Amino acid sequence: MTDLTLPIYNDDDAARAHLEAIRWPDGAFCPHCGELDNVHRMEGTSHAPGLHYCRSCRKKFSVTVGTVFERSHIPLHKWVLASHLMSASKKGISAHQLHRMLGITYKSAWFMAHRLREAMRETKPGPLGGEGKTVESDETYIGGKEKNKHRSKRNASNIGGMGKEIVLSLVEREGRVRSHHIPEVNAKTLRPILVAQIDRKSFLMTDEAGQYYHPGKEFAKHETVNHGAGEYVRGDAHSNTVENYFSILKRGITGTYHHVSQQHLKRYLAEFDFRYNERSGLGIEDDERAMKALKGIEGKRLTYRRAD
């Protein structure tokens, strides 16, 4: 259990030292030119805390430069605490809850959460599965019933009038998940994702949907279960792993966020994928998961204009 009274969650200097240890394990380097040796920390009260100077490019920088934290006016310890709260909450934590717990405005908490989701996003991911491994694929629909929405919020043009967004998830058994927000469910949409994200030597497991028939031939083996006929498990053939992931995703979106817009759905998927991929079942606990989220801040920027 994490002690939220630790200095890294309550003191900027401690939070900065924590972040520097994660981002610069071998010493500070210049994010502008990459210089490692010709860099020194600027001391004295006339400089902002944590400021460094690069003698090669003659630029100043801190540990937040070149990250999703750059140019933020929110105290650094609140960023560290928020990253832990989002990493440790299995079904997510709302911007309203962050706003209350951190003592910042709702607008700031909303933007902060999206920046942290950007940090959780995978960069240069390798293919799922491999020889002798099984990957399950399935789709689900995100969104409430149209009849329960205000008339101005209804979207009758999407998915036969249901106004729902489609999520495709690929789950490697005993491994990782990768989710995609897709426009429609057909072989033309699914095949490019399947062949790009799954190793061709993998076993592909799906339901009986026809859109998997031809793409399934491109993998080492493709088995299906007929949900329409009440078949859910046949020996090793099932899609229960991906269904379990969907249960976590839907409980989070319905119970925590209540509504996720089409524009931002991909970021929420990155958040849920991250927590699943760094889960306790793989030996990763809350503190380590939060550290991995902080490692992901580097090389990413998300401005309010892009997030809105």
Foldseek 3Di string as FASTA:
>chain_A
DDDCVDCLLPPLVNVQVVLCCLQPVPQDADPVPRHGPQKDFDDDPVDDPQWMAGPVVGDIDGSCPQFQCPPDPQRSSLLLVVLLQLLADLLGAQLVRSCVVRVHDSVVSVSSLLSLLLLLFDDPDDAPFDAPWEKEKDKDWDDDAQVPDDPVPFDCPAPNRRRTWMKMWIDIVVAAIDIDTWRDDALVGPLVVPPRRHDQAHEYAYAPDPRVVVSNVSHVHYDHFHVVVVGADDPPHHRVVVVVLVVSNRCSCCVRVVDDDPLCVNSSSSSNRLSVRQDVSVVHHSVNSSSSSSNSRHNDYDDPVNVD
